[in-house]
Amino acid sequence: MRTTGRNGEGTKDGLVADRFAALLGAFRPGDDALGVSELARRTGLAKTTVHRLTGHLVDTGLLEREGTAVRLGLRLFEIGQLAVRRRGLVEAARPYLADLREATRNTVHLAVLEGTEVVYLDILRGPDAPSLPSRIGGRFPAHATGVGKAILAHAPEPVVAAVIDAGLPRVSTRTITAPGLLRRQLTRIREEGIAFEREESGVGVVCAASPLVDATGTAVAAVSISGWANRMRTERVAPAVRTVALALSRAL
């Protein structure tokens, strides 16, 4: 059931989104360009509605005009490639993550940065690890995680500045909230290739993380091992995390 906001905004927005999705989903394998009449037939929408909505989709690059018809646009292809690359990253990383979990019996993460947060692409939970709030597809403030700091240390300055300018909210009593301290940590991480998180995301939890970098040295993702502060020595597992990150960087 859709949530209806003031003056029914939630219902209206949801209806528009459903119609956009229906139009894009009307294209089938082998289709090139489709006219308004065919799109109306496939979606059940009125021709006037199809004409108006396809105009918006053309303006955003999701559809392109071909005469009086429209076809899927290059922007959709670009977005699709992002999803394919991330799926490929997960598939390539999974054997390495499994080895890390097997060797340490702790939880292993694979994450990317989106805005000021990390998004977890894959998580393999270890039998000896604490119960963590992270979940596949879930988000967490980048500055409060090992994977987030590993990525930020190898990110362009505008990316780091955007995270700091957005504020550094306190997640736990040990979360780094001072911009200067965070920047000093990022400098050290950039030099050593390893990020440590010591109870900054949650009480009793520690983490060692390392970035996956592209040919320019920019981080595209990061891997980490998380465990209990009184059981897992981050300095001991750090070399294994770093080795996996380097191997994946070469493979990708």
C-alpha atoms as a PDB file:
ATOM      1  CA  MET A   1       0.000   0.000   0.000  1.00  0.00           C
ATOM      2  CA  ARG A   2       1.405   3.393  -0.966  1.00  0.00           C
ATOM      3  CA  THR A   3       1.920   6.098   1.617  1.00  0.00           C
ATOM      4  CA  THR A   4      -0.126   9.204   0.943  1.00  0.00           C
ATOM      5  CA  GLY A   5       1.468  12.458   2.004  1.00  0.00           C
ATOM      6  CA  ARG A   6      -0.009  15.922   2.265  1.00  0.00           C
ATOM      7  CA  ASN A   7      -2.480  16.558  -0.560  1.00  0.00           C
ATOM      8  CA  GLY A   8      -1.905  12.991  -1.783  1.00  0.00           C
ATOM      9  CA  GLU A   9       1.667  13.647  -2.946  1.00  0.00           C
ATOM     10  CA  GLY A  10       2.822  10.123  -2.100  1.00  0.00           C
ATOM     11  CA  THR A  11       0.078   8.516  -4.167  1.00  0.00           C
ATOM     12  CA  LYS A  12       0.637  10.895  -7.081  1.00  0.00           C
ATOM     13  CA  ASP A  13       4.422  10.359  -7.115  1.00  0.00           C
ATOM     14  CA  GLY A  14       3.958   6.601  -6.912  1.00  0.00           C
ATOM     15  CA  LEU A  15       1.503   6.645  -9.810  1.00  0.00           C
ATOM     16  CA  VAL A  16       3.899   8.617 -12.003  1.00  0.00           C
ATOM     17  CA  ALA A  17       6.765   6.271 -11.115  1.00  0.00           C
ATOM     18  CA  ASP A  18       4.603   3.249 -11.974  1.00  0.00           C
ATOM     19  CA  ARG A  19       3.771   4.761 -15.354  1.00  0.00           C
ATOM     20  CA  PHE A  20       7.410   5.535 -16.143  1.00  0.00           C
ATOM     21  CA  ALA A  21       8.346   1.968 -15.184  1.00  0.00           C
ATOM     22  CA  ALA A  22       5.547   0.576 -17.355  1.00  0.00           C
ATOM     23  CA  LEU A  23       6.735   2.548 -20.367  1.00  0.00           C
ATOM     24  CA  LEU A  24      10.351   1.479 -20.025  1.00  0.00           C
ATOM     25  CA  GLY A  25       9.302  -2.088 -19.309  1.00  0.00           C
ATOM     26  CA  ALA A  26       7.159  -2.195 -22.445  1.00  0.00           C
ATOM     27  CA  PHE A  27      10.260  -2.647 -24.593  1.00  0.00           C
ATOM     28  CA  ARG A  28      11.054  -6.285 -25.317  1.00  0.00           C
ATOM     29  CA  PRO A  29      14.082  -8.092 -26.744  1.00  0.00           C
ATOM     30  CA  GLY A  30      14.288  -7.335 -30.455  1.00  0.00           C
ATOM     31  CA  ASP A  31      12.333  -4.081 -30.232  1.00  0.00           C
ATOM     32  CA  ASP A  32      13.863  -0.996 -31.788  1.00  0.00           C
ATOM     33  CA  ALA A  33      11.553   2.004 -31.823  1.00  0.00           C
ATOM     34  CA  LEU A  34       7.932   1.946 -30.670  1.00  0.00           C
ATOM     35  CA  GLY A  35       5.181   4.423 -31.476  1.00  0.00           C
ATOM     36  CA  VAL A  36       2.725   5.997 -29.066  1.00  0.00           C
ATOM     37  CA  SER A  37      -0.102   3.686 -30.137  1.00  0.00           C
ATOM     38  CA  GLU A  38       1.935   0.534 -29.510  1.00  0.00           C
ATOM     39  CA  LEU A  39       3.176   1.793 -26.148  1.00  0.00           C
ATOM     40  CA  ALA A  40      -0.374   2.659 -25.161  1.00  0.00           C
ATOM     41  CA  ARG A  41      -1.520  -0.829 -26.162  1.00  0.00           C
ATOM     42  CA  ARG A  42       1.248  -2.565 -24.208  1.00  0.00           C
ATOM     43  CA  THR A  43       0.912  -0.453 -21.072  1.00  0.00           C
ATOM     44  CA  GLY A  44      -2.825   0.174 -21.011  1.00  0.00           C
ATOM     45  CA  LEU A  45      -2.192   3.918 -20.691  1.00  0.00           C
ATOM     46  CA  ALA A  46      -4.024   6.581 -22.665  1.00  0.00           C
ATOM     47  CA  LYS A  47      -2.218   7.842 -25.756  1.00  0.00           C
ATOM     48  CA  THR A  48      -2.174  11.395 -24.382  1.00  0.00           C
ATOM     49  CA  THR A  49      -0.511  10.103 -21.188  1.00  0.00           C
ATOM     50  CA  VAL A  50       2.038   8.096 -23.175  1.00  0.00           C
ATOM     51  CA  HIS A  51       2.847  11.121 -25.324  1.00  0.00           C
ATOM     52  CA  ARG A  52       3.378  13.349 -22.281  1.00  0.00           C
ATOM     53  CA  LEU A  53       5.444  10.869 -20.278  1.00  0.00           C
ATOM     54  CA  THR A  54       7.651   9.806 -23.175  1.00  0.00           C
ATOM     55  CA  GLY A  55       8.461  13.486 -23.655  1.00  0.00           C
ATOM     56  CA  HIS A  56       9.804  13.627 -20.095  1.00  0.00           C
ATOM     57  CA  LEU A  57      11.799  10.425 -20.615  1.00  0.00           C
ATOM     58  CA  VAL A  58      13.301  11.799 -23.829  1.00  0.00           C
ATOM     59  CA  ASP A  59      14.335  14.975 -21.986  1.00  0.00           C
ATOM     60  CA  THR A  60      16.236  12.891 -19.414  1.00  0.00           C
ATOM     61  CA  GLY A  61      17.914  10.696 -22.020  1.00  0.00           C
ATOM     62  CA  LEU A  62      16.158   7.503 -20.927  1.00  0.00           C
ATOM     63  CA  LEU A  63      14.378   7.414 -24.296  1.00  0.00           C
ATOM     64  CA  GLU A  64      15.440   8.775 -27.675  1.00  0.00           C
ATOM     65  CA  ARG A  65      13.249   9.906 -30.564  1.00  0.00           C
ATOM     66  CA  GLU A  66      13.303   8.179 -33.922  1.00  0.00           C
ATOM     67  CA  GLY A  67      10.861   9.981 -36.150  1.00  0.00           C
ATOM     68  CA  THR A  68       7.464   9.783 -34.453  1.00  0.00           C
ATOM     69  CA  ALA A  69       8.539   6.773 -32.354  1.00  0.00           C
ATOM     70  CA  VAL A  70      10.903   6.359 -29.397  1.00  0.00           C
ATOM     71  CA  ARG A  71      13.548   3.837 -28.447  1.00  0.00           C
ATOM     72  CA  LEU A  72      15.559   3.132 -25.304  1.00  0.00           C
ATOM     73  CA  GLY A  73      18.142   5.842 -24.731  1.00  0.00           C
ATOM     74  CA  LEU A  74      21.868   5.770 -24.125  1.00  0.00           C
ATOM     75  CA  ARG A  75      21.375   6.949 -20.538  1.00  0.00           C
ATOM     76  CA  LEU A  76      19.559   3.704 -19.752  1.00  0.00           C
ATOM     77  CA  PHE A  77      22.470   1.759 -21.188  1.00  0.00           C
ATOM     78  CA  GLU A  78      24.907   3.697 -18.987  1.00  0.00           C
ATOM     79  CA  ILE A  79      22.852   2.996 -15.870  1.00  0.00           C
ATOM     80  CA  GLY A  80      22.587  -0.661 -16.825  1.00  0.00           C
ATOM     81  CA  GLN A  81      26.348  -0.893 -17.233  1.00  0.00           C
ATOM     82  CA  LEU A  82      26.807   0.349 -13.678  1.00  0.00           C
ATOM     83  CA  ALA A  83      24.589  -2.448 -12.404  1.00  0.00           C
ATOM     84  CA  VAL A  84      26.413  -5.041 -14.519  1.00  0.00           C
ATOM     85  CA  ARG A  85      29.802  -3.880 -13.261  1.00  0.00           C
ATOM     86  CA  ARG A  86      28.671  -4.152  -9.664  1.00  0.00           C
ATOM     87  CA  ARG A  87      27.304  -7.647 -10.243  1.00  0.00           C
ATOM     88  CA  GLY A  88      30.610  -8.566 -11.833  1.00  0.00           C
ATOM     89  CA  LEU A  89      32.465  -7.139  -8.853  1.00  0.00           C
ATOM     90  CA  VAL A  90      30.444  -9.252  -6.425  1.00  0.00           C
ATOM     91  CA  GLU A  91      30.972 -12.406  -8.480  1.00  0.00           C
ATOM     92  CA  ALA A  92      34.709 -11.777  -8.764  1.00  0.00           C
ATOM     93  CA  ALA A  93      35.092 -10.982  -5.078  1.00  0.00           C
ATOM     94  CA  ARG A  94      32.983 -13.793  -3.617  1.00  0.00           C
ATOM     95  CA  PRO A  95      35.725 -16.528  -3.619  1.00  0.00           C
ATOM     96  CA  TYR A  96      38.171 -14.140  -1.948  1.00  0.00           C
ATOM     97  CA  LEU A  97      35.603 -13.090   0.643  1.00  0.00           C
ATOM     98  CA  ALA A  98      34.796 -16.730   1.353  1.00  0.00           C
ATOM     99  CA  ASP A  99      38.478 -17.479   1.956  1.00  0.00           C
ATOM    100  CA  LEU A 100      38.750 -14.533   4.350  1.00  0.00           C
ATOM    101  CA  ARG A 101      35.745 -15.667   6.321  1.00  0.00           C
ATOM    102  CA  GLU A 102      37.002 -19.246   6.443  1.00  0.00           C
ATOM    103  CA  ALA A 103      40.430 -18.148   7.656  1.00  0.00           C
ATOM    104  CA  THR A 104      39.202 -15.721  10.311  1.00  0.00           C
ATOM    105  CA  ARG A 105      35.666 -16.940  11.158  1.00  0.00           C
ATOM    106  CA  ASN A 106      34.682 -13.278  11.207  1.00  0.00           C
ATOM    107  CA  THR A 107      32.335 -11.233   9.023  1.00  0.00           C
ATOM    108  CA  VAL A 108      33.580 -10.008   5.640  1.00  0.00           C
ATOM    109  CA  HIS A 109      32.143  -7.024   3.768  1.00  0.00           C
ATOM    110  CA  LEU A 110      32.353  -5.701   0.217  1.00  0.00           C
ATOM    111  CA  ALA A 111      31.134  -2.116  -0.148  1.00  0.00           C
ATOM    112  CA  VAL A 112      31.114   0.904  -2.451  1.00  0.00           C
ATOM    113  CA  LEU A 113      30.663   4.603  -1.760  1.00  0.00           C
ATOM    114  CA  GLU A 114      27.499   6.437  -2.770  1.00  0.00           C
ATOM    115  CA  GLY A 115      27.354  10.045  -1.690  1.00  0.00           C
ATOM    116  CA  THR A 116      28.294  10.224   1.974  1.00  0.00           C
ATOM    117  CA  GLU A 117      27.445   6.591   2.716  1.00  0.00           C
ATOM    118  CA  VAL A 118      28.767   3.144   1.920  1.00  0.00           C
ATOM    119  CA  VAL A 119      26.465   0.590   0.328  1.00  0.00           C
ATOM    120  CA  TYR A 120      27.152  -3.065   1.100  1.00  0.00           C
ATOM    121  CA  LEU A 121      27.264  -5.190  -2.047  1.00  0.00           C
ATOM    122  CA  ASP A 122      28.065  -8.479  -0.300  1.00  0.00           C
ATOM    123  CA  ILE A 123      28.376  -9.736   3.264  1.00  0.00           C
ATOM    124  CA  LEU A 124      29.594 -13.127   4.449  1.00  0.00           C
ATOM    125  CA  ARG A 125      28.868 -13.480   8.145  1.00  0.00           C
ATOM    126  CA  GLY A 126      31.347 -15.334  10.316  1.00  0.00           C
ATOM    127  CA  PRO A 127      30.335 -17.785  13.046  1.00  0.00           C
ATOM    128  CA  ASP A 128      32.521 -16.065  15.651  1.00  0.00           C
ATOM    129  CA  ALA A 129      31.563 -12.509  14.709  1.00  0.00           C
ATOM    130  CA  PRO A 130      29.135 -10.144  16.469  1.00  0.00           C
ATOM    131  CA  SER A 131      25.667  -9.484  15.094  1.00  0.00           C
ATOM    132  CA  LEU A 132      26.128  -6.404  12.915  1.00  0.00           C
ATOM    133  CA  PRO A 133      23.508  -3.967  11.590  1.00  0.00           C
ATOM    134  CA  SER A 134      24.979  -4.121   8.086  1.00  0.00           C
ATOM    135  CA  ARG A 135      22.977  -5.874   5.356  1.00  0.00           C
ATOM    136  CA  ILE A 136      23.347  -6.347   1.622  1.00  0.00           C
ATOM    137  CA  GLY A 137      22.003  -3.210  -0.030  1.00  0.00           C
ATOM    138  CA  GLY A 138      22.104  -1.398   3.295  1.00  0.00           C
ATOM    139  CA  ARG A 139      23.821   1.916   3.920  1.00  0.00           C
ATOM    140  CA  PHE A 140      26.013   3.317   6.681  1.00  0.00           C
ATOM    141  CA  PRO A 141      27.820   6.669   7.157  1.00  0.00           C
ATOM    142  CA  ALA A 142      31.153   6.333   5.375  1.00  0.00           C
ATOM    143  CA  HIS A 143      33.239   8.108   8.021  1.00  0.00           C
ATOM    144  CA  ALA A 144      32.137   5.603  10.693  1.00  0.00           C
ATOM    145  CA  THR A 145      33.215   2.456   8.826  1.00  0.00           C
ATOM    146  CA  GLY A 146      36.485   0.836   7.839  1.00  0.00           C
ATOM    147  CA  VAL A 147      35.359   0.353   4.242  1.00  0.00           C
ATOM    148  CA  GLY A 148      34.204   3.956   4.048  1.00  0.00           C
ATOM    149  CA  LYS A 149      37.499   5.345   5.300  1.00  0.00           C
ATOM    150  CA  ALA A 150      39.461   3.018   2.995  1.00  0.00           C
ATOM    151  CA  ILE A 151      37.547   4.360  -0.013  1.00  0.00           C
ATOM    152  CA  LEU A 152      37.697   8.000   1.082  1.00  0.00           C
ATOM    153  CA  ALA A 153      41.469   7.773   1.546  1.00  0.00           C
ATOM    154  CA  HIS A 154      41.767   6.959  -2.159  1.00  0.00           C
ATOM    155  CA  ALA A 155      39.002   9.248  -3.425  1.00  0.00           C
ATOM    156  CA  PRO A 156      39.267  12.647  -5.161  1.00  0.00           C
ATOM    157  CA  GLU A 157      39.344  15.629  -2.802  1.00  0.00           C
ATOM    158  CA  PRO A 158      35.842  16.871  -3.793  1.00  0.00           C
ATOM    159  CA  VAL A 159      34.409  13.516  -2.652  1.00  0.00           C
ATOM    160  CA  VAL A 160      36.094  13.797   0.743  1.00  0.00           C
ATOM    161  CA  ALA A 161      35.056  17.442   1.074  1.00  0.00           C
ATOM    162  CA  ALA A 162      31.433  16.549   0.321  1.00  0.00           C
ATOM    163  CA  VAL A 163      31.412  13.960   3.115  1.00  0.00           C
ATOM    164  CA  ILE A 164      32.903  16.397   5.609  1.00  0.00           C
ATOM    165  CA  ASP A 165      30.692  19.308   4.535  1.00  0.00           C
ATOM    166  CA  ALA A 166      27.606  17.140   5.018  1.00  0.00           C
ATOM    167  CA  GLY A 167      28.574  16.712   8.667  1.00  0.00           C
ATOM    168  CA  LEU A 168      30.074  13.757  10.514  1.00  0.00           C
ATOM    169  CA  PRO A 169      27.261  12.378  12.672  1.00  0.00           C
ATOM    170  CA  ARG A 170      28.128  10.414  15.789  1.00  0.00           C
ATOM    171  CA  VAL A 171      27.143   6.747  15.416  1.00  0.00           C
ATOM    172  CA  SER A 172      28.843   5.523  18.579  1.00  0.00           C
ATOM    173  CA  THR A 173      30.832   7.122  21.380  1.00  0.00           C
ATOM    174  CA  ARG A 174      34.051   6.602  19.394  1.00  0.00           C
ATOM    175  CA  THR A 175      32.882   7.822  15.997  1.00  0.00           C
ATOM    176  CA  ILE A 176      35.250  10.368  14.465  1.00  0.00           C
ATOM    177  CA  THR A 177      33.336  13.638  14.201  1.00  0.00           C
ATOM    178  CA  ALA A 178      36.239  16.085  13.862  1.00  0.00           C
ATOM    179  CA  PRO A 179      37.157  16.869  10.217  1.00  0.00           C
ATOM    180  CA  GLY A 180      40.840  17.390  11.029  1.00  0.00           C
ATOM    181  CA  LEU A 181      41.157  14.038  12.767  1.00  0.00           C
ATOM    182  CA  LEU A 182      39.380  12.265   9.916  1.00  0.00           C
ATOM    183  CA  ARG A 183      41.694  13.848   7.354  1.00  0.00           C
ATOM    184  CA  ARG A 184      44.775  12.797   9.321  1.00  0.00           C
ATOM    185  CA  GLN A 185      43.472   9.238   9.423  1.00  0.00           C
ATOM    186  CA  LEU A 186      42.791   9.276   5.690  1.00  0.00           C
ATOM    187  CA  THR A 187      46.379  10.401   5.026  1.00  0.00           C
ATOM    188  CA  ARG A 188      47.743   7.487   7.032  1.00  0.00           C
ATOM    189  CA  ILE A 189      45.360   5.036   5.364  1.00  0.00           C
ATOM    190  CA  ARG A 190      46.463   6.282   1.942  1.00  0.00           C
ATOM    191  CA  GLU A 191      50.085   5.635   2.879  1.00  0.00           C
ATOM    192  CA  GLU A 192      49.548   2.210   4.455  1.00  0.00           C
ATOM    193  CA  GLY A 193      46.665   0.834   2.361  1.00  0.00           C
ATOM    194  CA  ILE A 194      44.796  -0.291   5.484  1.00  0.00           C
ATOM    195  CA  ALA A 195      41.955   1.383   7.390  1.00  0.00           C
ATOM    196  CA  PHE A 196      41.141   0.480  10.965  1.00  0.00           C
ATOM    197  CA  GLU A 197      37.806   1.101  12.624  1.00  0.00           C
ATOM    198  CA  ARG A 198      37.810   0.693  16.382  1.00  0.00           C
ATOM    199  CA  GLU A 199      34.295   0.734  17.837  1.00  0.00           C
ATOM    200  CA  GLU A 200      33.399   3.731  15.660  1.00  0.00           C
ATOM    201  CA  SER A 201      30.356   2.033  14.132  1.00  0.00           C
ATOM    202  CA  GLY A 202      29.291   0.159  17.245  1.00  0.00           C
ATOM    203  CA  VAL A 203      30.422  -0.694  20.752  1.00  0.00           C
ATOM    204  CA  GLY A 204      32.662  -3.754  20.912  1.00  0.00           C
ATOM    205  CA  VAL A 205      33.186  -4.043  17.130  1.00  0.00           C
ATOM    206  CA  VAL A 206      36.470  -3.507  15.286  1.00  0.00           C
ATOM    207  CA  CYS A 207      37.354  -3.722  11.622  1.00  0.00           C
ATOM    208  CA  ALA A 208      40.276  -3.785   9.185  1.00  0.00           C
ATOM    209  CA  ALA A 209      39.583  -2.684   5.599  1.00  0.00           C
ATOM    210  CA  SER A 210      41.461  -2.106   2.364  1.00  0.00           C
ATOM    211  CA  PRO A 211      40.460  -0.409  -0.923  1.00  0.00           C
ATOM    212  CA  LEU A 212      40.073  -1.857  -4.388  1.00  0.00           C
ATOM    213  CA  VAL A 213      41.631   0.716  -6.703  1.00  0.00           C
ATOM    214  CA  ASP A 214      41.516   1.277 -10.444  1.00  0.00           C
ATOM    215  CA  ALA A 215      44.424   2.109 -12.759  1.00  0.00           C
ATOM    216  CA  THR A 216      44.435   5.743 -11.588  1.00  0.00           C
ATOM    217  CA  GLY A 217      44.673   4.776  -7.925  1.00  0.00           C
ATOM    218  CA  THR A 218      41.084   5.807  -7.183  1.00  0.00           C
ATOM    219  CA  ALA A 219      39.110   3.454  -4.959  1.00  0.00           C
ATOM    220  CA  VAL A 220      36.108   1.780  -6.560  1.00  0.00           C
ATOM    221  CA  ALA A 221      35.191  -0.389  -3.544  1.00  0.00           C
ATOM    222  CA  ALA A 222      36.644  -1.812  -0.337  1.00  0.00           C
ATOM    223  CA  VAL A 223      36.751  -5.108   1.553  1.00  0.00           C
ATOM    224  CA  SER A 224      36.854  -5.553   5.306  1.00  0.00           C
ATOM    225  CA  ILE A 225      36.848  -8.020   8.186  1.00  0.00           C
ATOM    226  CA  SER A 226      34.787  -7.169  11.281  1.00  0.00           C
ATOM    227  CA  GLY A 227      34.867  -8.904  14.652  1.00  0.00           C
ATOM    228  CA  TRP A 228      34.713  -8.518  18.418  1.00  0.00           C
ATOM    229  CA  ALA A 229      37.154  -6.001  19.860  1.00  0.00           C
ATOM    230  CA  ASN A 230      38.224  -8.450  22.589  1.00  0.00           C
ATOM    231  CA  ARG A 231      38.726 -11.361  20.176  1.00  0.00           C
ATOM    232  CA  MET A 232      39.976 -10.089  16.813  1.00  0.00           C
ATOM    233  CA  ARG A 233      43.360  -8.386  16.493  1.00  0.00           C
ATOM    234  CA  THR A 234      42.969  -6.020  13.572  1.00  0.00           C
ATOM    235  CA  GLU A 235      46.728  -5.802  12.992  1.00  0.00           C
ATOM    236  CA  ARG A 236      46.873  -9.575  12.601  1.00  0.00           C
ATOM    237  CA  VAL A 237      44.087  -9.813   9.977  1.00  0.00           C
ATOM    238  CA  ALA A 238      45.115  -6.620   8.135  1.00  0.00           C
ATOM    239  CA  PRO A 239      47.697  -8.306   5.842  1.00  0.00           C
ATOM    240  CA  ALA A 240      45.087 -10.810   4.644  1.00  0.00           C
ATOM    241  CA  VAL A 241      42.603  -8.030   3.886  1.00  0.00           C
ATOM    242  CA  ARG A 242      45.267  -6.045   2.065  1.00  0.00           C
ATOM    243  CA  THR A 243      46.312  -9.063  -0.002  1.00  0.00           C
ATOM    244  CA  VAL A 244      42.731  -9.712  -1.092  1.00  0.00           C
ATOM    245  CA  ALA A 245      42.212  -6.048  -2.000  1.00  0.00           C
ATOM    246  CA  LEU A 246      45.383  -5.989  -4.118  1.00  0.00           C
ATOM    247  CA  ALA A 247      44.459  -9.233  -5.868  1.00  0.00           C
ATOM    248  CA  LEU A 248      40.966  -7.981  -6.683  1.00  0.00           C
ATOM    249  CA  SER A 249      42.328  -4.642  -7.862  1.00  0.00           C
ATOM    250  CA  ARG A 250      44.563  -6.461 -10.343  1.00  0.00           C
ATOM    251  CA  ALA A 251      41.759  -8.785 -11.437  1.00  0.00           C
ATOM    252  CA  LEU A 252      39.319  -5.939 -12.057  1.00  0.00           C
END
